[in-house]
């Protein structure tokens, strides 16, 4: 590969460069560090696709990096899938800067290969894209989104013909094709007018929405007569300037929830996400406006979905009358318990619950209580989707899947985390417990009393740029070179190195981890506690996950605080080296 300076010069001398990128290159010339960061490497195409800051350069999201990725994807599909040109690819996009433009660029490059595209005429949630792949029978799907990243980001997510995110093996093969594209500035494409004339570009309106809503109504665990009852439970919903503003209210209306109050200021599809510091329902500040409206309407439940509507956050009133945001682990365990308690036991004999290795063990305890087997996957819903596809062959039954980062799937008519499904189920569940004289917090503490007080926490360290990326790599190498024997006074029982694929026990025994390789290390500690370290796949961060189980809330919180303090000291010492 030529040096980054030569690549920059190639871009700088390209006569047909997009006008907005010409201006950005001029500005970058006065900032050598930013210029190098934009060109020193290609934007990484990972297991779900690629995500990055919008701008000029091969390490940025722009029409040229999109075209290169689509060119590789098209060649991969033609070589590995049947009837590609006729079956086509479905494309959706969210509310971010350049989303619709990138969606159209995807169709333009696919069209140059004679591959038909089905593009939504307006923004749609990620789970609807997953559903659309299955509904239309396309060979692939593309979602233009950066989920809950800051406004300057966008992304390109690829889905396989099953409607799930591409697997690591599929991603690796696609990358091979992408890397064969020598010049991202000269990738062939057709103009929009020509695509439409050749019927290679088809615009989707309401057909997929209606089919999805039909399926959505079927996930309810309420008897038909209960569904017909008008439910006056007040609900406040915010789509956080994203894509769920229509489907969530429609889904709730199907179950006769009649008091749904939208946060109107956040129902606007604003790519700047101007009313929040971050459009991430994991961040409690994202609920600020919903809490204000909740107080005005005496809402039982607050719902917040991220911009592409694959993640859901929920807040409920506590005993002090304040709104408390449930963690993803807590909401997932509650939904799992509700679903299993209201399912036919005979149908659950082959039932499987799927969670990730950094998701709370409370879910496993709930599943065990109902006689349901739990399967662990690596972090990322793509692995849960892949497992569901295997069930189609093995006859196992998918009952629920979730991850701690606010991602849930109730029914497999979609094959990615689905905040629309989760919103409807959360409201149904809250209504059920309300009829029993309880809140969701009451129900949660019932679970703690039955299974133990499971508490979790995740913290991340942001290390930006080339130097930050190198430091993250150094931290992961260091924890492998210098394994610790105890953390926070608790002995390490096992160390799991998912990159090496091995589990080392305290007695010296080494076991094989039957999961794909990933740059992640997990410490299993005494007293059902654990810590996991992994670099983020989408942001310049290293994430540290903590999980504890205690005999009381106080016991668990004390354990959690001790582990955090101890691990912070270990990490800070490594960073300062």
Protein backbone atom coordinates (compact mmCIF):
# COMPACT_ATOMS: atom_id res chain seq x y z
CA UNK A 1 0.00 0.00 0.00
CA UNK A 2 1.27 3.47 -0.87
CA UNK A 3 2.05 5.90 1.95
CA UNK A 4 -0.72 8.01 3.39
CA UNK A 5 0.86 11.14 1.93
CA UNK A 6 0.69 9.69 -1.58
CA UNK A 7 -2.96 8.73 -1.04
CA UNK A 8 -3.74 12.25 0.14
CA UNK A 9 -2.02 13.70 -2.92
CA UNK A 10 -4.09 11.41 -5.14
CA UNK A 11 -7.27 12.72 -3.53
CA UNK A 12 -6.06 16.31 -3.60
CA UNK A 13 -5.37 16.15 -7.34
CA UNK A 14 -8.59 14.28 -8.24
CA UNK A 15 -10.52 16.65 -10.52
CA UNK A 16 -14.00 15.21 -9.86
CA UNK A 17 -13.77 15.10 -6.08
CA UNK A 18 -17.04 15.89 -4.29
CA UNK A 19 -17.20 19.68 -3.63
CA UNK A 20 -17.72 19.35 0.14
CA UNK A 21 -14.64 17.11 0.38
CA UNK A 22 -12.52 19.58 -1.59
CA UNK A 23 -13.16 22.20 1.06
CA UNK A 24 -12.39 19.76 3.86
CA UNK A 25 -9.07 18.79 2.30
CA UNK A 26 -8.10 22.45 2.23
CA UNK A 27 -8.81 22.71 5.95
CA UNK A 28 -6.96 19.47 6.74
CA UNK A 29 -3.76 20.79 5.17
CA UNK A 30 -3.36 23.17 8.09
CA UNK A 31 -3.68 20.34 10.65
CA UNK A 32 -1.00 17.67 10.03
CA UNK A 33 -2.23 15.36 12.82
CA UNK A 34 -5.83 15.36 11.58
CA UNK A 35 -4.64 14.96 7.99
CA UNK A 36 -2.60 11.87 8.84
CA UNK A 37 -5.49 10.38 10.83
CA UNK A 38 -7.79 10.78 7.81
CA UNK A 39 -5.41 8.93 5.47
CA UNK A 40 -3.02 6.72 7.48
CA UNK A 41 -5.27 3.64 7.21
CA UNK A 42 -8.45 2.47 5.53
CA UNK A 43 -11.68 2.60 7.49
CA UNK A 44 -11.98 -0.83 9.06
CA UNK A 45 -14.62 -3.15 7.67
CA UNK A 46 -15.42 -5.36 10.64
CA UNK A 47 -17.87 -8.14 11.41
CA UNK A 48 -20.92 -5.91 10.96
CA UNK A 49 -19.61 -3.53 8.33
CA UNK A 50 -17.88 -0.21 8.89
CA UNK A 51 -18.46 2.88 10.99
CA UNK A 52 -16.56 6.13 11.27
CA UNK A 53 -16.48 9.90 11.22
CA UNK A 54 -17.93 11.51 8.08
CA UNK A 55 -15.31 13.37 6.07
CA UNK A 56 -12.51 13.24 3.52
CA UNK A 57 -9.98 10.41 3.49
CA UNK A 58 -9.81 6.64 3.35
CA UNK A 59 -10.26 6.48 7.15
CA UNK A 60 -13.56 8.36 6.95
CA UNK A 61 -17.14 7.75 5.84
CA UNK A 62 -17.73 9.33 2.43
CA UNK A 63 -19.13 8.40 -0.98
CA UNK A 64 -15.79 6.91 -2.05
CA UNK A 65 -15.34 4.59 0.93
CA UNK A 66 -19.00 3.57 0.53
CA UNK A 67 -18.53 2.83 -3.17
CA UNK A 68 -15.45 0.75 -2.51
CA UNK A 69 -17.23 -1.30 0.16
CA UNK A 70 -20.29 -1.85 -2.04
CA UNK A 71 -18.12 -2.87 -5.00
CA UNK A 72 -16.54 -5.57 -2.84
CA UNK A 73 -19.92 -6.63 -1.45
CA UNK A 74 -21.43 -6.93 -4.93
CA UNK A 75 -18.59 -9.15 -6.18
CA UNK A 76 -18.85 -11.30 -3.05
CA UNK A 77 -22.62 -11.74 -3.52
CA UNK A 78 -22.25 -12.66 -7.19
CA UNK A 79 -19.69 -15.33 -6.33
CA UNK A 80 -21.40 -16.77 -3.25
CA UNK A 81 -25.17 -16.40 -3.66
CA UNK A 82 -27.71 -17.59 -6.23
CA UNK A 83 -30.04 -15.38 -8.31
CA UNK A 84 -28.33 -12.26 -7.00
CA UNK A 85 -29.45 -9.87 -9.72
CA UNK A 86 -33.11 -10.84 -9.51
CA UNK A 87 -33.38 -11.18 -5.74
CA UNK A 88 -31.49 -7.97 -5.14
CA UNK A 89 -30.48 -6.08 -2.00
CA UNK A 90 -32.72 -4.07 0.34
CA UNK A 91 -31.34 -0.80 1.74
CA UNK A 92 -32.50 1.33 4.67
CA UNK A 93 -31.10 4.40 6.40
CA UNK A 94 -31.52 6.42 9.58
CA UNK A 95 -31.63 10.14 10.42
CA UNK A 96 -27.89 10.85 10.33
CA UNK A 97 -25.98 13.24 8.09
CA UNK A 98 -25.48 11.73 4.62
CA UNK A 99 -27.58 8.62 5.41
CA UNK A 100 -29.92 8.90 2.43
CA UNK A 101 -27.02 9.90 0.16
CA UNK A 102 -25.00 6.84 1.23
CA UNK A 103 -28.06 4.62 0.71
CA UNK A 104 -28.41 5.89 -2.84
CA UNK A 105 -24.68 5.48 -3.50
CA UNK A 106 -25.05 1.85 -2.41
CA UNK A 107 -27.82 1.34 -4.97
CA UNK A 108 -25.80 3.12 -7.68
CA UNK A 109 -22.82 0.80 -7.30
CA UNK A 110 -24.99 -2.33 -7.05
CA UNK A 111 -26.77 -1.19 -10.21
CA UNK A 112 -23.50 -1.11 -12.13
CA UNK A 113 -23.43 -4.91 -11.61
CA UNK A 114 -27.05 -5.30 -12.68
CA UNK A 115 -28.15 -5.97 -9.09
CA UNK A 116 -31.60 -4.67 -8.18
CA UNK A 117 -31.96 -2.47 -5.10
CA UNK A 118 -35.01 -1.95 -2.89
CA UNK A 119 -34.58 1.32 -1.02
CA UNK A 120 -36.92 2.70 1.63
CA UNK A 121 -38.33 6.07 0.55
CA UNK A 122 -37.79 7.50 4.06
CA UNK A 123 -35.85 6.58 7.18
CA UNK A 124 -36.57 3.26 8.89
CA UNK A 125 -35.35 1.31 11.97
CA UNK A 126 -32.58 -1.27 11.69
CA UNK A 127 -34.85 -4.17 12.80
CA UNK A 128 -37.22 -3.33 9.93
CA UNK A 129 -34.30 -3.71 7.51
CA UNK A 130 -33.60 -7.14 9.01
CA UNK A 131 -37.25 -8.07 8.61
CA UNK A 132 -37.34 -6.71 5.04
CA UNK A 133 -34.49 -9.00 3.95
CA UNK A 134 -36.52 -12.01 5.06
CA UNK A 135 -39.85 -10.66 3.78
CA UNK A 136 -38.56 -9.76 0.31
CA UNK A 137 -36.19 -12.73 0.04
CA UNK A 138 -33.24 -10.56 -0.95
CA UNK A 139 -29.66 -11.86 -0.96
CA UNK A 140 -28.50 -9.16 1.42
CA UNK A 141 -29.43 -6.00 3.25
CA UNK A 142 -27.57 -2.76 3.95
CA UNK A 143 -28.37 -0.39 6.80
CA UNK A 144 -26.83 3.08 6.77
CA UNK A 145 -26.50 3.95 10.45
CA UNK A 146 -24.01 4.64 13.21
CA UNK A 147 -26.52 3.59 15.88
CA UNK A 148 -26.02 5.81 18.95
CA UNK A 149 -22.57 7.23 18.05
CA UNK A 150 -22.03 11.02 18.11
CA UNK A 151 -23.48 13.15 15.25
CA UNK A 152 -20.25 13.23 13.25
CA UNK A 153 -20.40 9.45 12.67
CA UNK A 154 -22.18 7.28 10.14
CA UNK A 155 -21.92 3.62 9.24
CA UNK A 156 -22.55 0.85 6.74
CA UNK A 157 -23.97 -2.39 8.20
CA UNK A 158 -24.34 -5.50 6.05
CA UNK A 159 -26.94 -8.25 6.53
CA UNK A 160 -26.96 -11.74 5.07
CA UNK A 161 -29.87 -13.44 3.34
CA UNK A 162 -31.19 -14.70 6.69
CA UNK A 163 -31.69 -11.12 7.89
CA UNK A 164 -28.88 -11.32 10.44
CA UNK A 165 -25.71 -9.25 10.54
CA UNK A 166 -22.97 -10.90 8.52
CA UNK A 167 -20.88 -13.41 10.43
CA UNK A 168 -17.12 -12.97 10.98
CA UNK A 169 -16.39 -15.50 8.20
CA UNK A 170 -18.67 -13.68 5.77
CA UNK A 171 -17.14 -10.34 6.73
CA UNK A 172 -13.64 -11.70 6.22
CA UNK A 173 -14.51 -12.89 2.72
CA UNK A 174 -16.17 -9.58 1.83
CA UNK A 175 -13.06 -7.73 3.03
CA UNK A 176 -10.97 -9.83 0.61
CA UNK A 177 -13.09 -8.54 -2.27
CA UNK A 178 -13.02 -4.95 -0.97
CA UNK A 179 -9.24 -5.03 -0.73
CA UNK A 180 -9.00 -5.94 -4.40
CA UNK A 181 -10.47 -2.54 -5.31
CA UNK A 182 -7.32 -0.59 -6.14
CA UNK A 183 -8.75 2.92 -6.49
CA UNK A 184 -11.75 4.00 -4.40
CA UNK A 185 -12.01 7.18 -6.49
CA UNK A 186 -12.81 5.33 -9.73
CA UNK A 187 -15.37 2.70 -8.65
CA UNK A 188 -18.03 2.30 -11.40
CA UNK A 189 -21.63 3.32 -10.64
CA UNK A 190 -24.84 4.24 -12.44
CA UNK A 191 -26.72 7.49 -12.00
CA UNK A 192 -30.11 7.46 -10.24
CA UNK A 193 -32.06 8.22 -13.44
CA UNK A 194 -30.48 5.30 -15.29
CA UNK A 195 -31.14 2.97 -12.35
CA UNK A 196 -34.83 3.85 -12.39
CA UNK A 197 -35.07 3.54 -16.16
CA UNK A 198 -33.57 0.03 -15.99
CA UNK A 199 -35.82 -0.84 -13.00
CA UNK A 200 -32.75 -1.49 -10.87
CA UNK A 201 -33.95 0.94 -8.20
CA UNK A 202 -37.28 0.30 -6.46
CA UNK A 203 -38.58 2.60 -3.74
CA UNK A 204 -40.33 0.95 -0.75
CA UNK A 205 -43.18 2.76 1.01
CA UNK A 206 -45.57 1.15 3.54
CA UNK A 207 -45.75 -2.51 2.50
CA UNK A 208 -42.93 -3.71 4.76
CA UNK A 209 -44.18 -1.63 7.72
CA UNK A 210 -47.62 -3.23 7.54
CA UNK A 211 -46.23 -6.76 7.28
CA UNK A 212 -43.93 -6.09 10.22
CA UNK A 213 -46.78 -4.75 12.37
CA UNK A 214 -48.81 -7.90 11.66
CA UNK A 215 -45.94 -9.99 13.02
CA UNK A 216 -45.40 -7.62 15.93
CA UNK A 217 -48.92 -8.13 17.23
CA UNK A 218 -48.22 -11.86 17.45
CA UNK A 219 -45.49 -11.52 20.11
CA UNK A 220 -47.99 -10.58 22.82
CA UNK A 221 -48.47 -13.00 25.72
CA UNK A 222 -51.85 -11.49 26.61
CA UNK A 223 -55.06 -13.44 25.93
CA UNK A 224 -57.14 -12.01 23.07
CA UNK A 225 -59.78 -10.60 25.44
CA UNK A 226 -57.09 -8.74 27.38
CA UNK A 227 -55.68 -7.23 24.20
CA UNK A 228 -59.09 -5.75 23.39
CA UNK A 229 -59.25 -3.90 26.72
CA UNK A 230 -58.36 -0.21 26.52
CA UNK A 231 -55.26 0.31 28.63
CA UNK A 232 -55.02 3.72 30.23
CA UNK A 233 -51.52 3.20 31.67
CA UNK A 234 -49.65 6.45 30.84
CA UNK A 235 -46.49 5.94 28.75
CA UNK A 236 -43.95 8.52 27.60
CA UNK A 237 -41.93 7.66 24.51
CA UNK A 238 -38.93 9.37 22.91
CA UNK A 239 -37.28 8.17 19.68
CA UNK A 240 -34.30 10.47 20.42
CA UNK A 241 -34.46 12.13 16.98
CA UNK A 242 -34.36 8.75 15.24
CA UNK A 243 -36.38 6.21 13.31
CA UNK A 244 -38.91 4.75 15.78
CA UNK A 245 -41.36 7.66 15.89
CA UNK A 246 -44.00 5.80 13.87
CA UNK A 247 -43.61 2.08 14.48
CA UNK A 248 -43.49 2.11 18.30
CA UNK A 249 -46.75 4.09 18.71
CA UNK A 250 -48.44 1.93 16.07
CA UNK A 251 -47.27 -1.23 17.82
CA UNK A 252 -48.63 0.00 21.15
CA UNK A 253 -51.91 1.03 19.57
CA UNK A 254 -52.40 -2.56 18.35
CA UNK A 255 -52.44 -3.65 22.01
CA UNK A 256 -54.80 -0.78 22.90
CA UNK A 257 -52.38 1.33 24.90
CA UNK A 258 -54.26 4.61 24.52
CA UNK A 259 -52.20 6.99 26.66
CA UNK A 260 -48.87 7.14 24.80
CA UNK A 261 -47.25 10.58 25.00
CA UNK A 262 -44.49 11.40 22.54
CA UNK A 263 -41.66 13.77 23.43
CA UNK A 264 -42.40 15.99 20.44
CA UNK A 265 -39.09 17.85 20.42
CA UNK A 266 -37.27 14.51 20.10
CA UNK A 267 -39.65 13.08 17.50
CA UNK A 268 -37.95 15.31 14.93
CA UNK A 269 -35.37 13.43 12.81
CA UNK A 270 -32.45 15.68 13.72
CA UNK A 271 -28.97 14.45 12.68
CA UNK A 272 -27.38 16.75 15.28
CA UNK A 273 -29.41 15.15 18.11
CA UNK A 274 -29.65 18.68 19.42
CA UNK A 275 -31.63 18.03 22.61
CA UNK A 276 -29.26 15.40 24.07
CA UNK A 277 -25.57 15.15 24.81
CA UNK A 278 -25.70 11.63 23.34
CA UNK A 279 -28.61 9.84 21.61
CA UNK A 280 -27.87 6.70 23.61
CA UNK A 281 -30.58 5.37 25.97
CA UNK A 282 -27.81 3.76 28.01
CA UNK A 283 -26.89 7.32 29.08
CA UNK A 284 -29.33 8.53 31.71
CA UNK A 285 -29.19 12.13 30.43
CA UNK A 286 -31.03 10.93 27.32
CA UNK A 287 -34.14 10.59 29.52
CA UNK A 288 -34.12 14.21 30.76
CA UNK A 289 -36.99 15.45 28.59
CA UNK A 290 -38.91 12.17 28.94
CA UNK A 291 -38.68 12.47 32.74
CA UNK A 292 -40.04 16.02 32.62
CA UNK A 293 -42.99 14.86 30.50
CA UNK A 294 -43.39 11.78 32.68
CA UNK A 295 -43.90 13.96 35.75
CA UNK A 296 -46.48 16.05 33.91
CA UNK A 297 -48.46 12.99 32.76
CA UNK A 298 -47.82 10.77 35.81
CA UNK A 299 -46.42 8.18 33.42
CA UNK A 300 -45.94 4.62 34.61
CA UNK A 301 -43.20 3.95 32.09
CA UNK A 302 -40.69 5.95 30.04
CA UNK A 303 -39.32 4.50 26.78
CA UNK A 304 -36.29 5.74 24.82
CA UNK A 305 -34.99 4.20 21.60
CA UNK A 306 -31.68 5.02 19.94
CA UNK A 307 -31.55 6.61 16.46
CA UNK A 308 -31.78 3.37 14.47
CA UNK A 309 -34.22 1.82 16.97
CA UNK A 310 -32.34 -1.34 17.77
CA UNK A 311 -31.77 -0.41 21.45
CA UNK A 312 -34.33 0.39 24.13
CA UNK A 313 -33.99 2.07 27.51
CA UNK A 314 -36.79 2.03 30.10
CA UNK A 315 -37.35 4.11 33.24
CA UNK A 316 -39.90 3.45 35.99
CA UNK A 317 -40.91 5.18 39.21
CA UNK A 318 -39.16 4.12 42.40
CA UNK A 319 -40.48 4.26 45.96
CA UNK A 320 -39.40 7.90 46.26
CA UNK A 321 -41.51 8.85 43.25
CA UNK A 322 -38.49 9.47 41.01
CA UNK A 323 -37.87 7.82 37.65
CA UNK A 324 -35.16 5.18 37.75
CA UNK A 325 -33.56 3.91 34.53
CA UNK A 326 -33.31 0.13 34.42
CA UNK A 327 -30.06 -1.35 33.18
CA UNK A 328 -30.09 -3.49 30.06
CA UNK A 329 -29.34 -6.51 32.22
CA UNK A 330 -32.30 -5.79 34.48
CA UNK A 331 -34.82 -5.13 31.71
CA UNK A 332 -33.65 -8.23 29.85
CA UNK A 333 -34.08 -10.46 32.91
CA UNK A 334 -37.54 -9.02 33.57
CA UNK A 335 -38.72 -9.61 30.01
CA UNK A 336 -37.28 -13.12 30.00
CA UNK A 337 -39.09 -13.96 33.24
CA UNK A 338 -42.40 -12.51 31.95
CA UNK A 339 -42.16 -14.35 28.62
CA UNK A 340 -41.28 -17.71 30.17
CA UNK A 341 -43.93 -17.39 32.90
CA UNK A 342 -46.56 -16.83 30.21
CA UNK A 343 -45.46 -19.50 27.75
CA UNK A 344 -46.74 -23.05 27.36
CA UNK A 345 -44.30 -25.29 29.22
CA UNK A 346 -44.72 -28.02 26.59
CA UNK A 347 -43.52 -25.63 23.90
CA UNK A 348 -40.42 -24.73 25.90
CA UNK A 349 -38.92 -28.22 26.15
CA UNK A 350 -36.51 -27.37 23.36
CA UNK A 351 -36.35 -23.70 24.36
CA UNK A 352 -33.10 -21.76 24.28
CA UNK A 353 -32.24 -18.37 25.71
CA UNK A 354 -29.22 -16.64 24.19
CA UNK A 355 -27.08 -13.96 25.81
CA UNK A 356 -23.57 -12.61 25.39
CA UNK A 357 -20.59 -13.40 27.63
CA UNK A 358 -20.69 -9.88 29.14
CA UNK A 359 -24.42 -10.03 29.93
CA UNK A 360 -25.61 -10.64 33.49
CA UNK A 361 -25.80 -14.17 34.84
CA UNK A 362 -29.22 -13.28 36.28
CA UNK A 363 -30.68 -14.20 32.89
CA UNK A 364 -29.18 -17.68 33.16
CA UNK A 365 -30.63 -18.05 36.67
CA UNK A 366 -34.10 -17.09 35.39
CA UNK A 367 -33.83 -19.48 32.44
CA UNK A 368 -32.68 -22.31 34.75
CA UNK A 369 -35.71 -21.70 36.98
CA UNK A 370 -38.02 -22.43 34.03
CA UNK A 371 -35.91 -25.32 32.73
CA UNK A 372 -34.60 -23.40 29.72
CA UNK A 373 -31.04 -23.86 28.48
CA UNK A 374 -28.84 -20.74 28.20
CA UNK A 375 -26.34 -20.31 25.39
CA UNK A 376 -23.50 -17.77 25.55
CA UNK A 377 -22.18 -15.94 22.49
CA UNK A 378 -19.50 -13.35 21.92
CA UNK A 379 -20.43 -9.69 22.26
CA UNK A 380 -22.56 -8.50 19.35
CA UNK A 381 -26.05 -9.43 18.27
CA UNK A 382 -24.71 -10.91 15.04
CA UNK A 383 -23.72 -13.97 17.04
CA UNK A 384 -27.21 -14.29 18.51
CA UNK A 385 -28.66 -14.06 15.00
CA UNK A 386 -26.23 -16.72 13.81
CA UNK A 387 -27.33 -19.04 16.64
CA UNK A 388 -31.01 -18.59 15.72
CA UNK A 389 -30.20 -19.59 12.15
CA UNK A 390 -28.66 -22.80 13.48
CA UNK A 391 -31.90 -23.54 15.34
CA UNK A 392 -33.68 -23.65 11.99
CA UNK A 393 -31.67 -26.80 11.32
CA UNK A 394 -31.45 -28.33 14.81
CA UNK A 395 -35.09 -27.94 15.83
CA UNK A 396 -34.22 -25.95 18.96
CA UNK A 397 -36.64 -23.16 19.88
CA UNK A 398 -35.55 -19.56 20.29
CA UNK A 399 -37.35 -17.97 23.23
CA UNK A 400 -35.38 -14.79 23.90
CA UNK A 401 -32.04 -13.12 23.19
CA UNK A 402 -30.42 -10.10 24.76
CA UNK A 403 -27.23 -8.23 25.54
CA UNK A 404 -26.42 -5.84 28.35
CA UNK A 405 -26.17 -2.85 26.00
CA UNK A 406 -29.96 -2.49 25.71
CA UNK A 407 -30.44 -4.94 22.83
CA UNK A 408 -33.31 -7.48 22.93
CA UNK A 409 -35.10 -9.82 20.54
CA UNK A 410 -38.39 -11.48 21.46
CA UNK A 411 -39.40 -13.12 18.18
CA UNK A 412 -37.11 -14.20 15.36
CA UNK A 413 -39.13 -12.71 12.49
CA UNK A 414 -36.32 -10.14 12.73
CA UNK A 415 -32.78 -11.37 13.25
CA UNK A 416 -31.21 -8.38 14.96
CA UNK A 417 -31.93 -6.60 18.22
CA UNK A 418 -35.28 -4.90 17.97
CA UNK A 419 -36.30 -1.92 20.10
CA UNK A 420 -39.78 -1.88 18.56
CA UNK A 421 -40.48 -5.44 19.73
CA UNK A 422 -38.89 -4.63 23.09
CA UNK A 423 -40.92 -1.42 23.55
CA UNK A 424 -44.20 -3.24 23.06
CA UNK A 425 -43.18 -6.13 25.32
CA UNK A 426 -41.91 -3.78 28.06
CA UNK A 427 -45.26 -1.95 28.13
CA UNK A 428 -47.24 -5.20 28.14
CA UNK A 429 -45.09 -6.50 30.99
CA UNK A 430 -45.46 -3.26 33.01
CA UNK A 431 -49.23 -3.38 32.50
CA UNK A 432 -49.34 -6.99 33.72
CA UNK A 433 -47.44 -6.15 36.90
CA UNK A 434 -49.55 -3.05 37.43
CA UNK A 435 -52.62 -5.30 37.46
CA UNK A 436 -50.87 -7.30 40.21
CA UNK A 437 -50.30 -4.12 42.22
CA UNK A 438 -46.57 -4.02 41.44
CA UNK A 439 -44.12 -1.89 39.48
CA UNK A 440 -41.31 -3.28 37.33
CA UNK A 441 -38.92 -2.43 40.18
CA UNK A 442 -41.02 -4.56 42.54
CA UNK A 443 -40.85 -7.39 40.02
CA UNK A 444 -37.08 -6.95 39.70
CA UNK A 445 -36.53 -7.21 43.45
CA UNK A 446 -38.68 -10.34 43.46
CA UNK A 447 -36.18 -11.80 41.01
CA UNK A 448 -33.28 -10.74 43.23
CA UNK A 449 -34.93 -12.37 46.25
CA UNK A 450 -35.39 -15.59 44.27
CA UNK A 451 -32.04 -15.78 42.45
CA UNK A 452 -29.56 -13.51 44.24
CA UNK A 453 -28.65 -9.83 43.93
CA UNK A 454 -26.95 -9.59 40.54
CA UNK A 455 -25.44 -6.16 39.83
CA UNK A 456 -23.32 -5.10 36.87
CA UNK A 457 -21.42 -2.09 35.61
CA UNK A 458 -19.56 -1.11 32.46
CA UNK A 459 -16.98 1.65 32.17
CA UNK A 460 -14.91 2.67 29.20
CA UNK A 461 -11.68 4.54 28.59
CA UNK A 462 -11.55 6.62 25.40
CA UNK A 463 -8.18 6.74 23.63
CA UNK A 464 -8.53 8.52 20.30
CA UNK A 465 -6.38 8.58 17.19
CA UNK A 466 -3.45 6.46 16.08
CA UNK A 467 -1.69 6.72 19.43
CA UNK A 468 -4.86 5.76 21.29
CA UNK A 469 -5.38 2.73 19.09
CA UNK A 470 -1.84 1.58 19.82
CA UNK A 471 -2.34 2.11 23.56
CA UNK A 472 -5.50 -0.02 23.55
CA UNK A 473 -3.53 -2.80 21.87
CA UNK A 474 -0.80 -2.47 24.48
CA UNK A 475 -3.31 -2.76 27.35
CA UNK A 476 -4.77 -5.99 25.95
CA UNK A 477 -1.29 -7.43 25.37
CA UNK A 478 -0.25 -6.48 28.90
CA UNK A 479 -3.16 -8.23 30.65
CA UNK A 480 -2.23 -11.37 28.76
CA UNK A 481 1.47 -11.09 29.58
CA UNK A 482 0.91 -10.34 33.25
CA UNK A 483 -2.19 -12.28 34.39
CA UNK A 484 -3.39 -11.26 37.84
CA UNK A 485 -4.16 -13.73 40.63
CA UNK A 486 -6.67 -11.62 42.55
CA UNK A 487 -8.73 -8.47 41.98
CA UNK A 488 -10.34 -6.52 44.79
CA UNK A 489 -9.53 -9.23 47.28
CA UNK A 490 -11.26 -11.94 45.24
CA UNK A 491 -9.17 -14.75 43.76
CA UNK A 492 -9.19 -15.33 40.00
CA UNK A 493 -10.75 -18.76 39.45
CA UNK A 494 -10.40 -18.74 35.65
CA UNK A 495 -8.92 -16.47 33.00
CA UNK A 496 -10.58 -16.70 29.60
CA UNK A 497 -8.60 -15.43 26.62
CA UNK A 498 -11.01 -15.36 23.70
CA UNK A 499 -8.29 -14.41 21.22
CA UNK A 500 -6.28 -17.50 22.10
CA UNK A 501 -9.47 -19.52 22.51
CA UNK A 502 -8.44 -20.94 25.89
CA UNK A 503 -9.62 -20.95 29.48
CA UNK A 504 -6.91 -21.23 32.13
CA UNK A 505 -8.06 -22.48 35.52
CA UNK A 506 -6.44 -21.71 38.86
CA UNK A 507 -5.29 -25.32 39.18
CA UNK A 508 -3.40 -25.00 35.89
CA UNK A 509 -5.85 -26.89 33.71
CA UNK A 510 -6.40 -25.37 30.25
CA UNK A 511 -9.72 -25.76 28.41
CA UNK A 512 -10.78 -24.79 24.90
CA UNK A 513 -13.35 -22.02 24.44
CA UNK A 514 -15.78 -23.12 21.73
CA UNK A 515 -16.43 -19.66 20.35
CA UNK A 516 -14.94 -17.60 17.49
CA UNK A 517 -11.77 -15.73 18.36
CA UNK A 518 -12.12 -12.18 19.64
CA UNK A 519 -9.79 -9.72 21.36
CA UNK A 520 -11.30 -10.10 24.81
CA UNK A 521 -10.15 -11.29 28.25
CA UNK A 522 -12.52 -12.34 31.04
CA UNK A 523 -11.63 -13.02 34.67
CA UNK A 524 -13.99 -15.30 36.60
CA UNK A 525 -13.62 -14.61 40.30
CA UNK A 526 -14.74 -16.16 43.55
CA UNK A 527 -18.31 -15.66 44.79
CA UNK A 528 -19.87 -15.59 41.29
CA UNK A 529 -18.13 -12.34 40.30
CA UNK A 530 -16.40 -11.55 37.01
CA UNK A 531 -14.58 -8.84 35.02
CA UNK A 532 -14.18 -8.61 31.25
CA UNK A 533 -11.95 -6.36 29.11
CA UNK A 534 -12.51 -5.76 25.41
CA UNK A 535 -11.81 -2.98 22.88
CA UNK A 536 -14.94 -1.47 21.33
CA UNK A 537 -15.53 -2.54 17.76
CA UNK A 538 -17.11 0.79 16.79
CA UNK A 539 -15.46 3.50 18.92
CA UNK A 540 -11.91 4.35 20.11
CA UNK A 541 -12.54 2.85 23.54
CA UNK A 542 -11.52 -0.04 25.74
CA UNK A 543 -14.47 -1.35 27.74
CA UNK A 544 -14.39 -2.97 31.16
CA UNK A 545 -17.41 -4.97 32.32
CA UNK A 546 -18.10 -5.98 35.93
CA UNK A 547 -20.59 -8.50 37.29
CA UNK A 548 -21.25 -9.52 40.89
CA UNK A 549 -23.75 -11.62 42.85
CA UNK A 550 -24.40 -10.83 46.48
CA UNK A 551 -26.61 -11.84 49.35
CA UNK A 552 -28.16 -8.37 49.52
CA UNK A 553 -28.22 -5.14 47.55
CA UNK A 554 -25.65 -3.62 49.90
CA UNK A 555 -23.37 -6.64 49.60
CA UNK A 556 -23.49 -6.51 45.80
CA UNK A 557 -22.87 -2.77 45.60
CA UNK A 558 -19.89 -3.04 47.94
CA UNK A 559 -18.38 -5.84 45.85
CA UNK A 560 -18.94 -3.83 42.68
CA UNK A 561 -17.27 -0.70 44.08
CA UNK A 562 -14.27 -2.68 45.33
CA UNK A 563 -13.75 -4.42 41.98
CA UNK A 564 -14.02 -1.15 40.07
CA UNK A 565 -11.48 0.59 42.27
CA UNK A 566 -9.03 -2.29 42.03
CA UNK A 567 -9.38 -2.65 38.25
CA UNK A 568 -9.04 1.10 37.71
CA UNK A 569 -5.70 1.00 39.49
CA UNK A 570 -4.52 -1.89 37.32
CA UNK A 571 -5.58 -0.18 34.08
CA UNK A 572 -4.25 3.24 35.02
CA UNK A 573 -0.89 1.72 35.81
CA UNK A 574 -0.79 0.13 32.36
CA UNK A 575 -1.86 3.31 30.55
CA UNK A 576 0.85 5.38 32.24
CA UNK A 577 3.62 2.99 31.25
